[in-house]
Every structure is written in structure tokens, then in C-alpha cells.
């Protein structure tokens, strides 16, 4: 009978110890030798030149839009539009990203896959959300009043000096609040990340199964020269 006793015991105490990991820890030669060929191969892939940037692309070189933000939004548009079209038969209208999601600039010189990892270190996927006109109006108002330069593509916003809307064009046509629009963005924002209120009311969501980082790398592979400028996609007038 004793052999059948179900005694799980009781936890009475837990001990913990913090083990710092720093430069004082010596390498283990056998492990280092084992890892070295894999490390070398990864570095070779990440550091191979994919394109060239004649000038640095920055996140602070414009009042309401930036060269780096414009590049990111334009990449998402160009790489996502054909995928969305093939899966749904519909056209992508515009792109909205968040300023904080672009984690690095691209310096002048050779552009590599490592740059893509620096710009987008997160495992974020591109999604296309369908918004009704009222939700798009809310989104546009948010962008107009925002203090940060959130990247956009396919849409032009013009405000007065007090950030009140003057005009909005989407794909070269005046914004029409009576219709729905398809907007490419990050799944992080669709799921409510950053608490910025971009997409509170969504009609539908289309997954692209496409990592933002992979879109960047694919774009780099297609072009010889990576360049973008501050332009008129978002203008705040002086009066």
C-alpha cells in the first residue's frame, strides 16, 4: 500500500542568485570554434552590399516628413501593393507607420541586409486594414495633430500653422469620406501597439505574411541606389 501513496511534497523555499554576464566571462574555446563558421557565414550575408545610398537618410531632416520615414513608407507601399492586389483583387490606397517603429537611419555608403535589421529589428509583419471613411477621417486628424513625424505614403496631408486640416488627397484624389480605404501598416499597430489610436475601428484585416524587414531587404535588392527626400506628402503651412 505504501508504494501506491501519491505524495507530491510541498515547496517550502526558493533560492535565487543573479549571475552577471559581462566581459569578465572567458570564452570556451571548444564552443567558440564550433560557432565560428556559422558566425562568419551570418556576418557574410548581413554585410554583403545590396545597394548604395549617395547621402544619409535621416529621421529629423524635415518638419512634417523625413527622408528615412518616407523611404520606409514607400518601401511598404511598393512591396505590399502587388501582394494585396493578387490576394484580394483590390488596390492599396496608402501606408501609415509609426515614427517609433523606424529604429535607425541609413548612413551614406554601402547598404546591406544588416542595415535592414538595424532599421527594423522587430518581427513585425505587414497587414492591410480596411477602414471606413469615418475611421480614415479620425486617422487623418490624429496624424495632423501628432507631434511626431509618422511615415506615410500614397496620401498627402496639408494643415495650417495650427495643424488644422487644409486638404487631404489619397492617390491624387480628394479624400472621400463616403468610401472605404485600404491601408498598409504594421501588425504591431493593428494589435494596438504603442497606444497611438491609429486603428480603433477596422472593417477587415488582410495578412500579407510578409515581414517588414524582408520587404526592406527585397527593396534593397531591386534598386542600385537607395534615396529619398523630404517632400510635399505632409505640409504644415506657415499661415
C-alpha atoms as a PDB file:
ATOM      1  CA  UNK A   1       0.000   0.000   0.000  1.00  0.00           C
ATOM      2  CA  UNK A   2       2.870   2.348   0.733  1.00  0.00           C
ATOM      3  CA  UNK A   3       4.113   2.023  -2.840  1.00  0.00           C
ATOM      4  CA  UNK A   4       0.792   3.404  -4.106  1.00  0.00           C
ATOM      5  CA  UNK A   5       0.878   6.535  -1.963  1.00  0.00           C
ATOM      6  CA  UNK A   6       0.558   9.751  -4.016  1.00  0.00           C
ATOM      7  CA  UNK A   7       2.755  12.231  -2.141  1.00  0.00           C
ATOM      8  CA  UNK A   8       3.739  15.267  -4.246  1.00  0.00           C
ATOM      9  CA  UNK A   9       5.503  17.103  -1.457  1.00  0.00           C
ATOM     10  CA  UNK A  10       5.319  20.789  -0.595  1.00  0.00           C
ATOM     11  CA  UNK A  11       7.529  23.645  -1.772  1.00  0.00           C
ATOM     12  CA  UNK A  12       8.984  25.315   1.319  1.00  0.00           C
ATOM     13  CA  UNK A  13      11.662  27.654  -0.009  1.00  0.00           C
ATOM     14  CA  UNK A  14      13.165  29.079  -3.213  1.00  0.00           C
ATOM     15  CA  UNK A  15      16.673  30.447  -3.573  1.00  0.00           C
ATOM     16  CA  UNK A  16      17.853  32.677  -6.430  1.00  0.00           C
ATOM     17  CA  UNK A  17      21.198  34.076  -7.485  1.00  0.00           C
ATOM     18  CA  UNK A  18      21.961  36.726 -10.089  1.00  0.00           C
ATOM     19  CA  UNK A  19      24.699  35.671 -12.477  1.00  0.00           C
ATOM     20  CA  UNK A  20      26.135  38.707 -14.314  1.00  0.00           C
ATOM     21  CA  UNK A  21      27.104  38.142 -17.950  1.00  0.00           C
ATOM     22  CA  UNK A  22      29.859  40.569 -18.899  1.00  0.00           C
ATOM     23  CA  UNK A  23      33.387  40.817 -20.298  1.00  0.00           C
ATOM     24  CA  UNK A  24      34.817  39.054 -17.251  1.00  0.00           C
ATOM     25  CA  UNK A  25      33.495  35.713 -18.526  1.00  0.00           C
ATOM     26  CA  UNK A  26      36.108  33.891 -20.570  1.00  0.00           C
ATOM     27  CA  UNK A  27      35.270  32.192 -23.851  1.00  0.00           C
ATOM     28  CA  UNK A  28      35.170  28.436 -24.007  1.00  0.00           C
ATOM     29  CA  UNK A  29      37.472  27.575 -26.896  1.00  0.00           C
ATOM     30  CA  UNK A  30      35.566  24.486 -27.971  1.00  0.00           C
ATOM     31  CA  UNK A  31      32.256  26.357 -28.154  1.00  0.00           C
ATOM     32  CA  UNK A  32      33.831  29.360 -29.870  1.00  0.00           C
ATOM     33  CA  UNK A  33      35.404  27.118 -32.502  1.00  0.00           C
ATOM     34  CA  UNK A  34      32.106  25.324 -33.087  1.00  0.00           C
ATOM     35  CA  UNK A  35      30.160  28.579 -33.538  1.00  0.00           C
ATOM     36  CA  UNK A  36      32.782  30.408 -35.641  1.00  0.00           C
ATOM     37  CA  UNK A  37      31.836  29.115 -39.135  1.00  0.00           C
ATOM     38  CA  UNK A  38      28.162  29.873 -38.503  1.00  0.00           C
ATOM     39  CA  UNK A  39      29.011  33.344 -37.192  1.00  0.00           C
ATOM     40  CA  UNK A  40      31.224  34.041 -40.191  1.00  0.00           C
ATOM     41  CA  UNK A  41      28.503  32.950 -42.613  1.00  0.00           C
ATOM     42  CA  UNK A  42      25.880  35.137 -40.909  1.00  0.00           C
ATOM     43  CA  UNK A  43      28.206  38.139 -40.985  1.00  0.00           C
ATOM     44  CA  UNK A  44      28.976  37.476 -44.649  1.00  0.00           C
ATOM     45  CA  UNK A  45      25.271  37.504 -45.533  1.00  0.00           C
ATOM     46  CA  UNK A  46      24.429  40.529 -43.383  1.00  0.00           C
ATOM     47  CA  UNK A  47      27.362  42.620 -44.584  1.00  0.00           C
ATOM     48  CA  UNK A  48      27.167  41.912 -48.315  1.00  0.00           C
ATOM     49  CA  UNK A  49      26.337  45.056 -50.286  1.00  0.00           C
ATOM     50  CA  UNK A  50      22.798  45.169 -51.704  1.00  0.00           C
ATOM     51  CA  UNK A  51      22.625  48.813 -52.815  1.00  0.00           C
ATOM     52  CA  UNK A  52      24.226  52.208 -52.328  1.00  0.00           C
ATOM     53  CA  UNK A  53      23.000  55.363 -50.557  1.00  0.00           C
ATOM     54  CA  UNK A  54      24.573  58.530 -52.034  1.00  0.00           C
ATOM     55  CA  UNK A  55      23.501  60.521 -48.948  1.00  0.00           C
ATOM     56  CA  UNK A  56      22.327  59.697 -45.453  1.00  0.00           C
ATOM     57  CA  UNK A  57      18.613  59.111 -44.878  1.00  0.00           C
ATOM     58  CA  UNK A  58      17.551  60.726 -41.616  1.00  0.00           C
ATOM     59  CA  UNK A  59      14.661  60.861 -39.183  1.00  0.00           C
ATOM     60  CA  UNK A  60      14.935  64.548 -38.335  1.00  0.00           C
ATOM     61  CA  UNK A  61      15.569  66.351 -41.620  1.00  0.00           C
ATOM     62  CA  UNK A  62      12.021  67.611 -42.192  1.00  0.00           C
ATOM     63  CA  UNK A  63       9.306  69.441 -40.291  1.00  0.00           C
ATOM     64  CA  UNK A  64       6.423  67.067 -41.029  1.00  0.00           C
ATOM     65  CA  UNK A  65       8.066  64.249 -43.001  1.00  0.00           C
ATOM     66  CA  UNK A  66      11.596  62.869 -43.177  1.00  0.00           C
ATOM     67  CA  UNK A  67      13.743  61.158 -45.780  1.00  0.00           C
ATOM     68  CA  UNK A  68      14.072  57.955 -43.736  1.00  0.00           C
ATOM     69  CA  UNK A  69      10.388  57.842 -42.859  1.00  0.00           C
ATOM     70  CA  UNK A  70       9.428  58.461 -46.478  1.00  0.00           C
ATOM     71  CA  UNK A  71      11.720  55.665 -47.637  1.00  0.00           C
ATOM     72  CA  UNK A  72      10.172  53.220 -45.171  1.00  0.00           C
ATOM     73  CA  UNK A  73       6.588  54.096 -46.080  1.00  0.00           C
ATOM     74  CA  UNK A  74       7.332  53.996 -49.818  1.00  0.00           C
ATOM     75  CA  UNK A  75       9.003  50.586 -49.468  1.00  0.00           C
ATOM     76  CA  UNK A  76       5.972  49.204 -47.665  1.00  0.00           C
ATOM     77  CA  UNK A  77       3.699  50.578 -50.398  1.00  0.00           C
ATOM     78  CA  UNK A  78       5.727  49.303 -53.352  1.00  0.00           C
ATOM     79  CA  UNK A  79       6.356  45.848 -51.879  1.00  0.00           C
ATOM     80  CA  UNK A  80       2.861  45.311 -50.437  1.00  0.00           C
ATOM     81  CA  UNK A  81       0.598  46.638 -53.205  1.00  0.00           C
ATOM     82  CA  UNK A  82       1.170  43.731 -55.652  1.00  0.00           C
ATOM     83  CA  UNK A  83       0.728  41.128 -52.891  1.00  0.00           C
ATOM     84  CA  UNK A  84      -2.533  42.709 -51.746  1.00  0.00           C
ATOM     85  CA  UNK A  85      -3.755  43.012 -55.345  1.00  0.00           C
ATOM     86  CA  UNK A  86      -3.026  39.353 -56.122  1.00  0.00           C
ATOM     87  CA  UNK A  87      -4.789  38.113 -52.998  1.00  0.00           C
ATOM     88  CA  UNK A  88      -7.846  40.364 -53.000  1.00  0.00           C
ATOM     89  CA  UNK A  89      -8.106  41.978 -56.441  1.00  0.00           C
ATOM     90  CA  UNK A  90      -8.165  45.359 -54.677  1.00  0.00           C
ATOM     91  CA  UNK A  91      -5.795  48.304 -54.816  1.00  0.00           C
ATOM     92  CA  UNK A  92      -3.816  49.549 -51.838  1.00  0.00           C
ATOM     93  CA  UNK A  93      -4.670  53.176 -51.050  1.00  0.00           C
ATOM     94  CA  UNK A  94      -1.992  54.373 -48.650  1.00  0.00           C
ATOM     95  CA  UNK A  95       0.504  53.454 -45.932  1.00  0.00           C
ATOM     96  CA  UNK A  96       0.774  54.636 -42.342  1.00  0.00           C
ATOM     97  CA  UNK A  97       3.593  53.609 -39.989  1.00  0.00           C
ATOM     98  CA  UNK A  98       4.647  54.922 -36.600  1.00  0.00           C
ATOM     99  CA  UNK A  99       7.710  57.077 -36.103  1.00  0.00           C
ATOM    100  CA  UNK A 100       8.993  54.918 -33.242  1.00  0.00           C
ATOM    101  CA  UNK A 101       8.900  51.802 -35.399  1.00  0.00           C
ATOM    102  CA  UNK A 102      11.777  53.052 -37.556  1.00  0.00           C
ATOM    103  CA  UNK A 103      14.731  52.313 -35.311  1.00  0.00           C
ATOM    104  CA  UNK A 104      17.710  53.623 -37.276  1.00  0.00           C
ATOM    105  CA  UNK A 105      18.847  55.878 -40.073  1.00  0.00           C
ATOM    106  CA  UNK A 106      20.737  54.698 -43.157  1.00  0.00           C
ATOM    107  CA  UNK A 107      24.119  56.367 -43.490  1.00  0.00           C
ATOM    108  CA  UNK A 108      25.646  57.298 -46.819  1.00  0.00           C
ATOM    109  CA  UNK A 109      27.584  54.464 -48.414  1.00  0.00           C
ATOM    110  CA  UNK A 110      27.003  50.781 -48.991  1.00  0.00           C
ATOM    111  CA  UNK A 111      23.591  49.469 -47.904  1.00  0.00           C
ATOM    112  CA  UNK A 112      23.419  45.935 -46.532  1.00  0.00           C
ATOM    113  CA  UNK A 113      20.972  43.471 -45.010  1.00  0.00           C
ATOM    114  CA  UNK A 114      22.414  44.456 -41.630  1.00  0.00           C
ATOM    115  CA  UNK A 115      21.023  47.953 -42.237  1.00  0.00           C
ATOM    116  CA  UNK A 116      17.568  46.419 -42.631  1.00  0.00           C
ATOM    117  CA  UNK A 117      17.924  44.659 -39.276  1.00  0.00           C
ATOM    118  CA  UNK A 118      19.029  47.927 -37.668  1.00  0.00           C
ATOM    119  CA  UNK A 119      16.078  49.838 -39.135  1.00  0.00           C
ATOM    120  CA  UNK A 120      13.562  47.097 -38.263  1.00  0.00           C
ATOM    121  CA  UNK A 121      14.874  44.793 -35.508  1.00  0.00           C
ATOM    122  CA  UNK A 122      11.385  43.529 -34.602  1.00  0.00           C
ATOM    123  CA  UNK A 123       9.480  40.579 -36.081  1.00  0.00           C
ATOM    124  CA  UNK A 124       6.658  42.816 -37.333  1.00  0.00           C
ATOM    125  CA  UNK A 125       4.516  41.777 -40.301  1.00  0.00           C
ATOM    126  CA  UNK A 126       2.746  43.993 -42.820  1.00  0.00           C
ATOM    127  CA  UNK A 127      -1.042  43.927 -42.676  1.00  0.00           C
ATOM    128  CA  UNK A 128      -3.629  45.763 -44.774  1.00  0.00           C
ATOM    129  CA  UNK A 129      -6.607  47.131 -42.876  1.00  0.00           C
ATOM    130  CA  UNK A 130      -9.863  48.236 -44.428  1.00  0.00           C
ATOM    131  CA  UNK A 131     -11.208  51.427 -42.860  1.00  0.00           C
ATOM    132  CA  UNK A 132     -14.464  53.222 -43.497  1.00  0.00           C
ATOM    133  CA  UNK A 133     -14.423  56.922 -44.259  1.00  0.00           C
ATOM    134  CA  UNK A 134     -15.164  57.938 -40.688  1.00  0.00           C
ATOM    135  CA  UNK A 135     -12.228  55.898 -39.364  1.00  0.00           C
ATOM    136  CA  UNK A 136      -9.925  57.350 -42.032  1.00  0.00           C
ATOM    137  CA  UNK A 137     -11.053  60.851 -41.033  1.00  0.00           C
ATOM    138  CA  UNK A 138     -10.140  60.040 -37.424  1.00  0.00           C
ATOM    139  CA  UNK A 139      -6.756  58.695 -38.520  1.00  0.00           C
ATOM    140  CA  UNK A 140      -6.025  61.770 -40.637  1.00  0.00           C
ATOM    141  CA  UNK A 141      -6.947  64.083 -37.766  1.00  0.00           C
ATOM    142  CA  UNK A 142      -4.614  62.133 -35.490  1.00  0.00           C
ATOM    143  CA  UNK A 143      -1.753  62.473 -37.970  1.00  0.00           C
ATOM    144  CA  UNK A 144      -2.438  66.171 -38.443  1.00  0.00           C
ATOM    145  CA  UNK A 145      -2.248  66.867 -34.707  1.00  0.00           C
ATOM    146  CA  UNK A 146       0.631  64.486 -33.938  1.00  0.00           C
ATOM    147  CA  UNK A 147       3.884  65.981 -32.734  1.00  0.00           C
ATOM    148  CA  UNK A 148       5.904  63.124 -34.255  1.00  0.00           C
ATOM    149  CA  UNK A 149       6.624  62.586 -37.954  1.00  0.00           C
ATOM    150  CA  UNK A 150       4.730  59.342 -38.600  1.00  0.00           C
ATOM    151  CA  UNK A 151       5.710  57.921 -42.031  1.00  0.00           C
ATOM    152  CA  UNK A 152       3.019  57.948 -44.742  1.00  0.00           C
ATOM    153  CA  UNK A 153       2.846  57.076 -48.437  1.00  0.00           C
ATOM    154  CA  UNK A 154       0.085  57.403 -51.022  1.00  0.00           C
ATOM    155  CA  UNK A 155      -1.597  60.198 -49.085  1.00  0.00           C
ATOM    156  CA  UNK A 156      -0.956  63.936 -48.913  1.00  0.00           C
ATOM    157  CA  UNK A 157      -1.944  65.966 -45.855  1.00  0.00           C
ATOM    158  CA  UNK A 158      -1.790  69.753 -45.706  1.00  0.00           C
ATOM    159  CA  UNK A 159      -2.503  71.665 -42.499  1.00  0.00           C
ATOM    160  CA  UNK A 160      -2.406  75.302 -41.470  1.00  0.00           C
ATOM    161  CA  UNK A 161       0.080  76.615 -38.909  1.00  0.00           C
ATOM    162  CA  UNK A 162      -2.209  75.450 -36.081  1.00  0.00           C
ATOM    163  CA  UNK A 163      -2.333  71.903 -37.528  1.00  0.00           C
ATOM    164  CA  UNK A 164      -5.944  72.192 -38.666  1.00  0.00           C
ATOM    165  CA  UNK A 165      -6.640  70.366 -41.922  1.00  0.00           C
ATOM    166  CA  UNK A 166      -6.472  72.330 -45.160  1.00  0.00           C
ATOM    167  CA  UNK A 167      -6.684  69.436 -47.624  1.00  0.00           C
ATOM    168  CA  UNK A 168      -6.220  65.671 -47.918  1.00  0.00           C
ATOM    169  CA  UNK A 169      -5.549  63.744 -51.130  1.00  0.00           C
ATOM    170  CA  UNK A 170      -5.319  59.960 -51.390  1.00  0.00           C
ATOM    171  CA  UNK A 171      -3.804  58.563 -54.581  1.00  0.00           C
ATOM    172  CA  UNK A 172      -4.054  62.057 -56.056  1.00  0.00           C
ATOM    173  CA  UNK A 173      -7.790  62.366 -55.393  1.00  0.00           C
ATOM    174  CA  UNK A 174      -9.573  64.340 -52.648  1.00  0.00           C
ATOM    175  CA  UNK A 175     -10.406  62.275 -49.583  1.00  0.00           C
ATOM    176  CA  UNK A 176     -13.925  60.813 -49.896  1.00  0.00           C
ATOM    177  CA  UNK A 177     -15.486  60.072 -46.520  1.00  0.00           C
ATOM    178  CA  UNK A 178     -18.280  58.047 -48.139  1.00  0.00           C
ATOM    179  CA  UNK A 179     -15.990  55.176 -49.210  1.00  0.00           C
ATOM    180  CA  UNK A 180     -13.674  52.627 -47.580  1.00  0.00           C
ATOM    181  CA  UNK A 181      -9.887  52.706 -47.895  1.00  0.00           C
ATOM    182  CA  UNK A 182      -7.194  50.019 -47.697  1.00  0.00           C
ATOM    183  CA  UNK A 183      -4.213  50.972 -45.560  1.00  0.00           C
ATOM    184  CA  UNK A 184      -0.945  49.022 -45.178  1.00  0.00           C
ATOM    185  CA  UNK A 185       0.698  49.130 -41.783  1.00  0.00           C
ATOM    186  CA  UNK A 186       2.429  47.040 -39.135  1.00  0.00           C
ATOM    187  CA  UNK A 187       0.640  44.245 -37.294  1.00  0.00           C
ATOM    188  CA  UNK A 188       2.008  45.830 -34.117  1.00  0.00           C
ATOM    189  CA  UNK A 189      -0.177  48.887 -34.702  1.00  0.00           C
ATOM    190  CA  UNK A 190      -3.215  46.859 -35.760  1.00  0.00           C
ATOM    191  CA  UNK A 191      -2.995  44.970 -32.483  1.00  0.00           C
ATOM    192  CA  UNK A 192      -2.953  48.222 -30.528  1.00  0.00           C
ATOM    193  CA  UNK A 193       0.778  48.592 -30.010  1.00  0.00           C
ATOM    194  CA  UNK A 194       2.172  51.974 -28.950  1.00  0.00           C
ATOM    195  CA  UNK A 195      -1.318  53.069 -27.849  1.00  0.00           C
ATOM    196  CA  UNK A 196      -1.445  55.688 -30.559  1.00  0.00           C
ATOM    197  CA  UNK A 197      -5.013  55.127 -31.653  1.00  0.00           C
ATOM    198  CA  UNK A 198      -4.253  54.515 -35.320  1.00  0.00           C
ATOM    199  CA  UNK A 199      -6.712  51.710 -35.915  1.00  0.00           C
ATOM    200  CA  UNK A 200      -9.520  51.663 -33.395  1.00  0.00           C
ATOM    201  CA  UNK A 201     -12.244  50.818 -35.953  1.00  0.00           C
ATOM    202  CA  UNK A 202     -11.299  48.249 -38.588  1.00  0.00           C
ATOM    203  CA  UNK A 203     -13.681  46.738 -41.167  1.00  0.00           C
ATOM    204  CA  UNK A 204     -11.317  43.912 -42.193  1.00  0.00           C
ATOM    205  CA  UNK A 205      -7.675  42.856 -41.961  1.00  0.00           C
ATOM    206  CA  UNK A 206      -5.645  41.121 -44.685  1.00  0.00           C
ATOM    207  CA  UNK A 207      -2.467  39.349 -43.587  1.00  0.00           C
ATOM    208  CA  UNK A 208       0.390  39.518 -46.087  1.00  0.00           C
ATOM    209  CA  UNK A 209       2.656  37.046 -44.245  1.00  0.00           C
ATOM    210  CA  UNK A 210       5.427  39.488 -45.130  1.00  0.00           C
ATOM    211  CA  UNK A 211       7.918  40.731 -42.557  1.00  0.00           C
ATOM    212  CA  UNK A 212       8.610  44.451 -42.712  1.00  0.00           C
ATOM    213  CA  UNK A 213      12.311  43.672 -42.596  1.00  0.00           C
ATOM    214  CA  UNK A 214      12.061  41.299 -45.536  1.00  0.00           C
ATOM    215  CA  UNK A 215      10.242  43.972 -47.531  1.00  0.00           C
ATOM    216  CA  UNK A 216      13.158  46.324 -46.873  1.00  0.00           C
ATOM    217  CA  UNK A 217      15.734  43.727 -47.926  1.00  0.00           C
ATOM    218  CA  UNK A 218      13.763  42.829 -51.067  1.00  0.00           C
ATOM    219  CA  UNK A 219      13.608  46.511 -51.992  1.00  0.00           C
ATOM    220  CA  UNK A 220      17.355  46.949 -51.470  1.00  0.00           C
ATOM    221  CA  UNK A 221      17.987  44.013 -53.807  1.00  0.00           C
ATOM    222  CA  UNK A 222      15.866  45.585 -56.557  1.00  0.00           C
ATOM    223  CA  UNK A 223      17.472  49.012 -56.668  1.00  0.00           C
ATOM    224  CA  UNK A 224      21.011  50.161 -57.347  1.00  0.00           C
ATOM    225  CA  UNK A 225      20.602  53.364 -55.388  1.00  0.00           C
ATOM    226  CA  UNK A 226      18.643  53.947 -52.167  1.00  0.00           C
ATOM    227  CA  UNK A 227      17.446  57.507 -51.936  1.00  0.00           C
ATOM    228  CA  UNK A 228      14.549  59.530 -50.571  1.00  0.00           C
ATOM    229  CA  UNK A 229      13.904  63.180 -49.788  1.00  0.00           C
ATOM    230  CA  UNK A 230      11.675  65.350 -47.656  1.00  0.00           C
ATOM    231  CA  UNK A 231       8.767  66.205 -49.971  1.00  0.00           C
ATOM    232  CA  UNK A 232       5.218  67.561 -50.062  1.00  0.00           C
ATOM    233  CA  UNK A 233       3.360  64.475 -48.773  1.00  0.00           C
ATOM    234  CA  UNK A 234       2.813  66.242 -45.443  1.00  0.00           C
ATOM    235  CA  UNK A 235       2.933  70.023 -45.328  1.00  0.00           C
ATOM    236  CA  UNK A 236       2.281  72.399 -42.445  1.00  0.00           C
ATOM    237  CA  UNK A 237       1.728  75.892 -43.822  1.00  0.00           C
ATOM    238  CA  UNK A 238       3.130  78.958 -42.127  1.00  0.00           C
ATOM    239  CA  UNK A 239      -0.216  80.752 -42.062  1.00  0.00           C
END
